[in-house]
All heavy atoms as atom14 arrays in JSON, in Angstrom:
{
  "sequence": "DSDENGELYQPMFDALDAVGNRAPMIAFPDGGGSSFWHDRAT",
  "atom14_mask": [
    [1, 1, 1, 1, 1, 1, 1, 1, 0, 0, 0, 0, 0, 0],
    [1, 1, 1, 1, 1, 1, 0, 0, 0, 0, 0, 0, 0, 0],
    [1, 1, 1, 1, 1, 1, 1, 1, 0, 0, 0, 0, 0, 0],
    [1, 1, 1, 1, 1, 1, 1, 1, 1, 0, 0, 0, 0, 0],
    [1, 1, 1, 1, 1, 1, 1, 1, 0, 0, 0, 0, 0, 0],
    [1, 1, 1, 1, 0, 0, 0, 0, 0, 0, 0, 0, 0, 0],
    [1, 1, 1, 1, 1, 1, 1, 1, 1, 0, 0, 0, 0, 0],
    [1, 1, 1, 1, 1, 1, 1, 1, 0, 0, 0, 0, 0, 0],
    [1, 1, 1, 1, 1, 1, 1, 1, 1, 1, 1, 1, 0, 0],
    [1, 1, 1, 1, 1, 1, 1, 1, 1, 0, 0, 0, 0, 0],
    [1, 1, 1, 1, 1, 1, 1, 0, 0, 0, 0, 0, 0, 0],
    [1, 1, 1, 1, 1, 1, 1, 1, 0, 0, 0, 0, 0, 0],
    [1, 1, 1, 1, 1, 1, 1, 1, 1, 1, 1, 0, 0, 0],
    [1, 1, 1, 1, 1, 1, 1, 1, 0, 0, 0, 0, 0, 0],
    [1, 1, 1, 1, 1, 0, 0, 0, 0, 0, 0, 0, 0, 0],
    [1, 1, 1, 1, 1, 1, 1, 1, 0, 0, 0, 0, 0, 0],
    [1, 1, 1, 1, 1, 1, 1, 1, 0, 0, 0, 0, 0, 0],
    [1, 1, 1, 1, 1, 0, 0, 0, 0, 0, 0, 0, 0, 0],
    [1, 1, 1, 1, 1, 1, 1, 0, 0, 0, 0, 0, 0, 0],
    [1, 1, 1, 1, 0, 0, 0, 0, 0, 0, 0, 0, 0, 0],
    [1, 1, 1, 1, 1, 1, 1, 1, 0, 0, 0, 0, 0, 0],
    [1, 1, 1, 1, 1, 1, 1, 1, 1, 1, 1, 0, 0, 0],
    [1, 1, 1, 1, 1, 0, 0, 0, 0, 0, 0, 0, 0, 0],
    [1, 1, 1, 1, 1, 1, 1, 0, 0, 0, 0, 0, 0, 0],
    [1, 1, 1, 1, 1, 1, 1, 1, 0, 0, 0, 0, 0, 0],
    [1, 1, 1, 1, 1, 1, 1, 1, 0, 0, 0, 0, 0, 0],
    [1, 1, 1, 1, 1, 0, 0, 0, 0, 0, 0, 0, 0, 0],
    [1, 1, 1, 1, 1, 1, 1, 1, 1, 1, 1, 0, 0, 0],
    [1, 1, 1, 1, 1, 1, 1, 0, 0, 0, 0, 0, 0, 0],
    [1, 1, 1, 1, 1, 1, 1, 1, 0, 0, 0, 0, 0, 0],
    [1, 1, 1, 1, 0, 0, 0, 0, 0, 0, 0, 0, 0, 0],
    [1, 1, 1, 1, 0, 0, 0, 0, 0, 0, 0, 0, 0, 0],
    [1, 1, 1, 1, 0, 0, 0, 0, 0, 0, 0, 0, 0, 0],
    [1, 1, 1, 1, 1, 1, 0, 0, 0, 0, 0, 0, 0, 0],
    [1, 1, 1, 1, 1, 1, 0, 0, 0, 0, 0, 0, 0, 0],
    [1, 1, 1, 1, 1, 1, 1, 1, 1, 1, 1, 0, 0, 0],
    [1, 1, 1, 1, 1, 1, 1, 1, 1, 1, 1, 1, 1, 1],
    [1, 1, 1, 1, 1, 1, 1, 1, 1, 1, 0, 0, 0, 0],
    [1, 1, 1, 1, 1, 1, 1, 1, 0, 0, 0, 0, 0, 0],
    [1, 1, 1, 1, 1, 1, 1, 1, 1, 1, 1, 0, 0, 0],
    [1, 1, 1, 1, 1, 0, 0, 0, 0, 0, 0, 0, 0, 0],
    [1, 1, 1, 1, 1, 1, 1, 0, 0, 0, 0, 0, 0, 0]
  ],
  "atom14_positions": [
    [[108.96, 98.13, 86.27], [109.88, 99.25, 86.17], [109.61, 100.25, 87.22], [110.05, 101.34, 87.21], [109.71, 99.91, 84.9], [110.07, 99.08, 83.52], [110.88, 98.28, 83.84], [109.23, 99.27, 82.55], [0.0, 0.0, 0.0], [0.0, 0.0, 0.0], [0.0, 0.0, 0.0], [0.0, 0.0, 0.0], [0.0, 0.0, 0.0], [0.0, 0.0, 0.0]],
    [[108.97, 99.85, 88.45], [108.99, 100.67, 89.54], [109.95, 100.03, 90.65], [110.63, 99.27, 90.34], [107.6, 100.78, 90.06], [107.42, 101.67, 91.06], [0.0, 0.0, 0.0], [0.0, 0.0, 0.0], [0.0, 0.0, 0.0], [0.0, 0.0, 0.0], [0.0, 0.0, 0.0], [0.0, 0.0, 0.0], [0.0, 0.0, 0.0], [0.0, 0.0, 0.0]],
    [[109.87, 100.46, 91.93], [110.61, 100.02, 93.03], [109.93, 100.27, 94.39], [108.73, 100.56, 94.32], [112.04, 100.74, 92.93], [111.98, 102.32, 93.09], [110.87, 102.71, 93.68], [113.0, 102.82, 92.66], [0.0, 0.0, 0.0], [0.0, 0.0, 0.0], [0.0, 0.0, 0.0], [0.0, 0.0, 0.0], [0.0, 0.0, 0.0], [0.0, 0.0, 0.0]],
    [[110.7, 100.16, 95.44], [110.01, 100.17, 96.78], [109.52, 101.56, 97.0], [108.79, 101.86, 98.0], [111.13, 99.83, 97.79], [112.26, 100.76, 98.07], [113.3, 100.82, 97.12], [113.33, 100.19, 96.12], [114.34, 101.6, 97.32], [0.0, 0.0, 0.0], [0.0, 0.0, 0.0], [0.0, 0.0, 0.0], [0.0, 0.0, 0.0], [0.0, 0.0, 0.0]],
    [[109.8, 102.68, 96.25], [109.25, 103.94, 96.45], [108.14, 104.25, 95.63], [107.57, 105.33, 95.73], [110.47, 105.08, 96.18], [111.58, 104.88, 97.03], [111.43, 104.89, 98.32], [112.77, 104.96, 96.55], [0.0, 0.0, 0.0], [0.0, 0.0, 0.0], [0.0, 0.0, 0.0], [0.0, 0.0, 0.0], [0.0, 0.0, 0.0], [0.0, 0.0, 0.0]],
    [[107.77, 103.32, 94.72], [106.72, 103.62, 93.74], [105.31, 104.07, 94.24], [104.62, 104.72, 93.37], [0.0, 0.0, 0.0], [0.0, 0.0, 0.0], [0.0, 0.0, 0.0], [0.0, 0.0, 0.0], [0.0, 0.0, 0.0], [0.0, 0.0, 0.0], [0.0, 0.0, 0.0], [0.0, 0.0, 0.0], [0.0, 0.0, 0.0], [0.0, 0.0, 0.0]],
    [[104.92, 103.87, 95.51], [103.58, 104.29, 95.97], [103.68, 105.18, 96.96], [102.76, 105.47, 97.77], [102.69, 102.9, 96.29], [102.39, 102.07, 95.15], [101.69, 102.81, 94.11], [100.73, 103.54, 94.4], [102.12, 102.64, 93.01], [0.0, 0.0, 0.0], [0.0, 0.0, 0.0], [0.0, 0.0, 0.0], [0.0, 0.0, 0.0], [0.0, 0.0, 0.0]],
    [[104.87, 105.81, 97.32], [104.94, 106.77, 98.36], [104.53, 108.09, 97.93], [105.3, 109.02, 97.76], [106.45, 106.82, 98.84], [107.0, 105.53, 99.55], [108.33, 105.69, 100.07], [106.1, 105.12, 100.66], [0.0, 0.0, 0.0], [0.0, 0.0, 0.0], [0.0, 0.0, 0.0], [0.0, 0.0, 0.0], [0.0, 0.0, 0.0], [0.0, 0.0, 0.0]],
    [[103.2, 108.22, 97.73], [102.59, 109.43, 97.25], [101.6, 109.95, 98.22], [101.05, 109.12, 99.09], [102.03, 109.26, 95.88], [103.1, 109.3, 94.69], [103.6, 108.02, 94.4], [103.39, 110.51, 94.08], [104.66, 108.03, 93.4], [104.34, 110.42, 93.17], [104.91, 109.16, 92.7], [105.83, 109.23, 91.67], [0.0, 0.0, 0.0], [0.0, 0.0, 0.0]],
    [[101.1, 111.2, 98.12], [100.14, 111.72, 98.99], [98.83, 111.0, 99.28], [98.4, 110.71, 100.34], [99.77, 113.22, 98.82], [99.17, 113.91, 99.79], [100.05, 113.99, 101.11], [101.1, 114.37, 101.07], [99.43, 113.47, 102.28], [0.0, 0.0, 0.0], [0.0, 0.0, 0.0], [0.0, 0.0, 0.0], [0.0, 0.0, 0.0], [0.0, 0.0, 0.0]],
    [[98.3, 110.37, 98.15], [97.01, 109.71, 98.24], [97.16, 108.42, 99.13], [96.23, 108.16, 99.91], [96.71, 109.34, 96.8], [97.24, 110.42, 95.91], [98.56, 110.67, 96.67], [0.0, 0.0, 0.0], [0.0, 0.0, 0.0], [0.0, 0.0, 0.0], [0.0, 0.0, 0.0], [0.0, 0.0, 0.0], [0.0, 0.0, 0.0], [0.0, 0.0, 0.0]],
    [[98.32, 107.76, 99.06], [98.37, 106.64, 100.01], [98.53, 107.02, 101.42], [97.86, 106.41, 102.39], [99.66, 105.89, 99.61], [99.9, 104.54, 100.29], [100.65, 104.79, 101.97], [102.33, 105.39, 101.56], [0.0, 0.0, 0.0], [0.0, 0.0, 0.0], [0.0, 0.0, 0.0], [0.0, 0.0, 0.0], [0.0, 0.0, 0.0], [0.0, 0.0, 0.0]],
    [[99.19, 108.17, 101.87], [99.27, 108.59, 103.2], [97.91, 109.16, 103.71], [97.5, 108.84, 104.72], [100.29, 109.63, 103.34], [101.72, 109.11, 103.2], [102.49, 109.14, 102.06], [102.28, 108.43, 104.37], [103.73, 108.69, 101.97], [103.63, 107.94, 104.25], [104.34, 108.05, 103.15], [0.0, 0.0, 0.0], [0.0, 0.0, 0.0], [0.0, 0.0, 0.0]],
    [[97.33, 109.77, 102.71], [95.85, 110.34, 103.07], [94.92, 109.05, 103.32], [94.13, 109.11, 104.35], [95.26, 111.07, 102.02], [95.96, 112.37, 101.81], [96.78, 112.83, 102.69], [95.81, 113.06, 100.7], [0.0, 0.0, 0.0], [0.0, 0.0, 0.0], [0.0, 0.0, 0.0], [0.0, 0.0, 0.0], [0.0, 0.0, 0.0], [0.0, 0.0, 0.0]],
    [[95.05, 108.0, 102.62], [94.1, 106.84, 102.7], [94.44, 106.15, 104.08], [93.66, 105.6, 104.81], [94.26, 105.9, 101.54], [0.0, 0.0, 0.0], [0.0, 0.0, 0.0], [0.0, 0.0, 0.0], [0.0, 0.0, 0.0], [0.0, 0.0, 0.0], [0.0, 0.0, 0.0], [0.0, 0.0, 0.0], [0.0, 0.0, 0.0], [0.0, 0.0, 0.0]],
    [[95.82, 106.01, 104.39], [96.27, 105.46, 105.53], [95.67, 106.11, 106.87], [95.25, 105.49, 107.77], [97.84, 105.29, 105.6], [98.42, 104.59, 106.73], [98.15, 103.03, 106.49], [99.97, 104.76, 106.73], [0.0, 0.0, 0.0], [0.0, 0.0, 0.0], [0.0, 0.0, 0.0], [0.0, 0.0, 0.0], [0.0, 0.0, 0.0], [0.0, 0.0, 0.0]],
    [[95.75, 107.41, 106.8], [95.29, 108.25, 107.88], [93.8, 108.12, 108.03], [93.29, 108.14, 109.14], [95.64, 109.74, 107.67], [95.26, 110.55, 108.72], [95.58, 110.46, 109.91], [94.3, 111.42, 108.53], [0.0, 0.0, 0.0], [0.0, 0.0, 0.0], [0.0, 0.0, 0.0], [0.0, 0.0, 0.0], [0.0, 0.0, 0.0], [0.0, 0.0, 0.0]],
    [[93.01, 107.99, 106.9], [91.66, 108.03, 107.01], [91.12, 106.75, 107.57], [89.92, 106.85, 108.16], [91.05, 108.08, 105.54], [0.0, 0.0, 0.0], [0.0, 0.0, 0.0], [0.0, 0.0, 0.0], [0.0, 0.0, 0.0], [0.0, 0.0, 0.0], [0.0, 0.0, 0.0], [0.0, 0.0, 0.0], [0.0, 0.0, 0.0], [0.0, 0.0, 0.0]],
    [[91.77, 105.56, 107.76], [91.17, 104.43, 108.4], [91.61, 104.44, 109.9], [91.25, 103.42, 110.51], [91.64, 103.08, 107.69], [91.14, 103.12, 106.29], [93.14, 103.03, 107.61], [0.0, 0.0, 0.0], [0.0, 0.0, 0.0], [0.0, 0.0, 0.0], [0.0, 0.0, 0.0], [0.0, 0.0, 0.0], [0.0, 0.0, 0.0], [0.0, 0.0, 0.0]],
    [[92.22, 105.44, 110.36], [92.36, 105.58, 111.87], [93.2, 104.45, 112.41], [94.18, 103.97, 111.85], [0.0, 0.0, 0.0], [0.0, 0.0, 0.0], [0.0, 0.0, 0.0], [0.0, 0.0, 0.0], [0.0, 0.0, 0.0], [0.0, 0.0, 0.0], [0.0, 0.0, 0.0], [0.0, 0.0, 0.0], [0.0, 0.0, 0.0], [0.0, 0.0, 0.0]],
    [[92.68, 104.05, 113.56], [93.4, 102.96, 114.31], [93.38, 101.59, 113.56], [94.23, 100.6, 114.04], [92.87, 102.88, 115.74], [93.48, 103.89, 116.57], [94.57, 104.45, 116.42], [92.74, 104.35, 117.55], [0.0, 0.0, 0.0], [0.0, 0.0, 0.0], [0.0, 0.0, 0.0], [0.0, 0.0, 0.0], [0.0, 0.0, 0.0], [0.0, 0.0, 0.0]],
    [[92.76, 101.51, 112.57], [92.72, 100.06, 111.76], [93.85, 100.28, 110.83], [94.11, 99.19, 110.07], [91.46, 100.05, 111.1], [90.2, 99.7, 112.08], [89.0, 99.3, 111.22], [88.7, 100.05, 110.2], [87.75, 99.65, 109.21], [87.12, 98.55, 109.35], [87.51, 100.49, 108.28], [0.0, 0.0, 0.0], [0.0, 0.0, 0.0], [0.0, 0.0, 0.0]],
    [[94.58, 101.31, 110.73], [95.62, 101.42, 109.63], [96.62, 100.47, 109.78], [97.14, 100.03, 110.88], [96.36, 102.77, 109.76], [0.0, 0.0, 0.0], [0.0, 0.0, 0.0], [0.0, 0.0, 0.0], [0.0, 0.0, 0.0], [0.0, 0.0, 0.0], [0.0, 0.0, 0.0], [0.0, 0.0, 0.0], [0.0, 0.0, 0.0], [0.0, 0.0, 0.0]],
    [[97.03, 99.59, 108.72], [98.17, 98.63, 108.73], [99.43, 99.3, 108.57], [99.68, 100.33, 108.08], [97.69, 97.74, 107.55], [97.22, 98.69, 106.49], [96.38, 99.72, 107.44], [0.0, 0.0, 0.0], [0.0, 0.0, 0.0], [0.0, 0.0, 0.0], [0.0, 0.0, 0.0], [0.0, 0.0, 0.0], [0.0, 0.0, 0.0], [0.0, 0.0, 0.0]],
    [[100.42, 98.57, 109.04], [101.89, 98.74, 108.66], [101.91, 98.31, 107.16], [101.35, 97.25, 106.85], [102.77, 98.09, 109.52], [104.28, 98.36, 109.33], [105.4, 97.31, 110.42], [104.81, 97.92, 112.07], [0.0, 0.0, 0.0], [0.0, 0.0, 0.0], [0.0, 0.0, 0.0], [0.0, 0.0, 0.0], [0.0, 0.0, 0.0], [0.0, 0.0, 0.0]],
    [[102.61, 99.09, 106.43], [102.79, 98.64, 105.01], [104.32, 98.39, 104.69], [105.07, 99.41, 104.85], [102.2, 99.71, 103.92], [100.88, 100.13, 104.46], [102.16, 99.13, 102.61], [100.16, 101.24, 103.64], [0.0, 0.0, 0.0], [0.0, 0.0, 0.0], [0.0, 0.0, 0.0], [0.0, 0.0, 0.0], [0.0, 0.0, 0.0], [0.0, 0.0, 0.0]],
    [[104.62, 97.25, 103.97], [105.89, 96.88, 103.48], [105.85, 96.91, 102.1], [105.03, 96.29, 101.33], [106.3, 95.47, 103.91], [0.0, 0.0, 0.0], [0.0, 0.0, 0.0], [0.0, 0.0, 0.0], [0.0, 0.0, 0.0], [0.0, 0.0, 0.0], [0.0, 0.0, 0.0], [0.0, 0.0, 0.0], [0.0, 0.0, 0.0], [0.0, 0.0, 0.0]],
    [[106.76, 97.82, 101.47], [106.84, 98.11, 99.91], [108.21, 97.47, 99.67], [109.2, 98.04, 99.59], [106.73, 99.45, 99.6], [105.48, 100.07, 99.82], [105.32, 100.97, 101.01], [104.38, 100.03, 98.99], [104.08, 101.67, 101.14], [103.19, 100.57, 99.17], [103.03, 101.54, 100.23], [0.0, 0.0, 0.0], [0.0, 0.0, 0.0], [0.0, 0.0, 0.0]],
    [[108.24, 96.14, 99.24], [109.57, 95.5, 98.76], [109.88, 95.99, 97.2], [109.11, 96.14, 96.55], [109.38, 94.16, 98.94], [107.87, 93.84, 98.72], [107.22, 95.16, 99.33], [0.0, 0.0, 0.0], [0.0, 0.0, 0.0], [0.0, 0.0, 0.0], [0.0, 0.0, 0.0], [0.0, 0.0, 0.0], [0.0, 0.0, 0.0], [0.0, 0.0, 0.0]],
    [[111.26, 95.97, 97.1], [111.79, 96.21, 95.71], [111.78, 94.71, 95.07], [112.44, 93.89, 95.5], [113.15, 96.87, 95.76], [113.61, 97.02, 94.34], [112.85, 97.02, 93.36], [114.89, 97.35, 94.29], [0.0, 0.0, 0.0], [0.0, 0.0, 0.0], [0.0, 0.0, 0.0], [0.0, 0.0, 0.0], [0.0, 0.0, 0.0], [0.0, 0.0, 0.0]],
    [[111.03, 94.51, 93.96], [111.05, 93.41, 93.31], [111.72, 93.28, 92.03], [111.45, 92.54, 91.16], [0.0, 0.0, 0.0], [0.0, 0.0, 0.0], [0.0, 0.0, 0.0], [0.0, 0.0, 0.0], [0.0, 0.0, 0.0], [0.0, 0.0, 0.0], [0.0, 0.0, 0.0], [0.0, 0.0, 0.0], [0.0, 0.0, 0.0], [0.0, 0.0, 0.0]],
    [[112.7, 94.33, 91.78], [113.36, 94.27, 90.43], [112.37, 94.97, 89.39], [111.21, 94.99, 89.59], [0.0, 0.0, 0.0], [0.0, 0.0, 0.0], [0.0, 0.0, 0.0], [0.0, 0.0, 0.0], [0.0, 0.0, 0.0], [0.0, 0.0, 0.0], [0.0, 0.0, 0.0], [0.0, 0.0, 0.0], [0.0, 0.0, 0.0], [0.0, 0.0, 0.0]],
    [[112.9, 95.18, 88.3], [112.14, 95.94, 87.24], [111.05, 94.99, 86.6], [109.96, 95.49, 86.38], [0.0, 0.0, 0.0], [0.0, 0.0, 0.0], [0.0, 0.0, 0.0], [0.0, 0.0, 0.0], [0.0, 0.0, 0.0], [0.0, 0.0, 0.0], [0.0, 0.0, 0.0], [0.0, 0.0, 0.0], [0.0, 0.0, 0.0], [0.0, 0.0, 0.0]],
    [[111.36, 93.75, 86.43], [110.38, 92.8, 85.82], [110.42, 91.28, 86.23], [110.32, 90.5, 85.52], [110.53, 92.85, 84.31], [111.96, 92.44, 83.95], [0.0, 0.0, 0.0], [0.0, 0.0, 0.0], [0.0, 0.0, 0.0], [0.0, 0.0, 0.0], [0.0, 0.0, 0.0], [0.0, 0.0, 0.0], [0.0, 0.0, 0.0], [0.0, 0.0, 0.0]],
    [[110.48, 91.27, 87.61], [110.58, 89.91, 88.23], [109.28, 89.14, 88.09], [109.16, 87.99, 88.03], [110.84, 90.09, 89.76], [109.77, 90.65, 90.45], [0.0, 0.0, 0.0], [0.0, 0.0, 0.0], [0.0, 0.0, 0.0], [0.0, 0.0, 0.0], [0.0, 0.0, 0.0], [0.0, 0.0, 0.0], [0.0, 0.0, 0.0], [0.0, 0.0, 0.0]],
    [[108.15, 89.92, 88.09], [106.72, 89.43, 88.11], [106.53, 88.6, 89.35], [105.68, 87.79, 89.44], [106.32, 88.78, 86.85], [105.72, 89.71, 85.81], [106.54, 90.59, 85.13], [104.34, 89.79, 85.67], [106.0, 91.62, 84.32], [103.76, 90.82, 84.7], [104.61, 91.57, 84.16], [0.0, 0.0, 0.0], [0.0, 0.0, 0.0], [0.0, 0.0, 0.0]],
    [[107.35, 88.92, 90.32], [107.08, 88.38, 91.71], [106.96, 86.77, 91.86], [106.19, 86.41, 92.74], [105.9, 89.04, 92.32], [106.2, 90.64, 92.51], [105.65, 91.56, 91.74], [106.9, 91.27, 93.51], [106.05, 92.8, 92.14], [106.83, 92.65, 93.23], [107.87, 90.89, 94.43], [107.51, 93.61, 93.91], [108.51, 91.74, 95.24], [108.37, 93.12, 94.95]],
    [[107.46, 86.13, 90.95], [107.38, 84.6, 90.98], [108.8, 83.99, 90.98], [109.85, 84.67, 90.52], [106.51, 83.99, 90.0], [107.06, 84.09, 88.62], [106.93, 85.25, 87.83], [107.67, 83.23, 87.73], [107.46, 85.16, 86.63], [107.91, 83.88, 86.58], [0.0, 0.0, 0.0], [0.0, 0.0, 0.0], [0.0, 0.0, 0.0], [0.0, 0.0, 0.0]],
    [[108.87, 82.82, 91.44], [110.12, 82.08, 91.47], [110.62, 81.7, 90.16], [109.71, 80.92, 89.43], [110.08, 80.69, 92.45], [110.01, 81.16, 93.96], [109.82, 82.34, 94.2], [109.77, 80.14, 94.63], [0.0, 0.0, 0.0], [0.0, 0.0, 0.0], [0.0, 0.0, 0.0], [0.0, 0.0, 0.0], [0.0, 0.0, 0.0], [0.0, 0.0, 0.0]],
    [[111.55, 82.17, 89.53], [112.17, 81.88, 88.23], [113.61, 81.93, 88.12], [114.36, 81.95, 89.06], [111.49, 83.03, 87.38], [111.94, 84.52, 87.97], [111.12, 85.63, 87.22], [111.42, 85.57, 85.69], [110.92, 86.55, 84.79], [110.25, 87.44, 85.28], [111.32, 86.34, 83.62], [0.0, 0.0, 0.0], [0.0, 0.0, 0.0], [0.0, 0.0, 0.0]],
    [[114.19, 81.98, 87.02], [115.59, 81.99, 86.71], [116.39, 83.13, 87.31], [117.41, 82.92, 87.92], [115.83, 81.79, 85.22], [0.0, 0.0, 0.0], [0.0, 0.0, 0.0], [0.0, 0.0, 0.0], [0.0, 0.0, 0.0], [0.0, 0.0, 0.0], [0.0, 0.0, 0.0], [0.0, 0.0, 0.0], [0.0, 0.0, 0.0], [0.0, 0.0, 0.0]],
    [[115.67, 84.24, 87.45], [116.46, 85.42, 88.0], [116.34, 85.41, 89.43], [116.97, 86.31, 90.05], [115.82, 86.76, 87.4], [114.39, 86.62, 87.8], [115.9, 86.77, 85.98], [0.0, 0.0, 0.0], [0.0, 0.0, 0.0], [0.0, 0.0, 0.0], [0.0, 0.0, 0.0], [0.0, 0.0, 0.0], [0.0, 0.0, 0.0], [0.0, 0.0, 0.0]]
  ]
}
């Protein structure tokens, strides 16, 4: 029941900044409300 914006909160940005030049790019895909991220009928 979340989406691609679900983790765009201050703690994530603070944590990203804290690891400095080791910081990864982060992809937050939208996976539908209840896909459970596996290959299925939907």
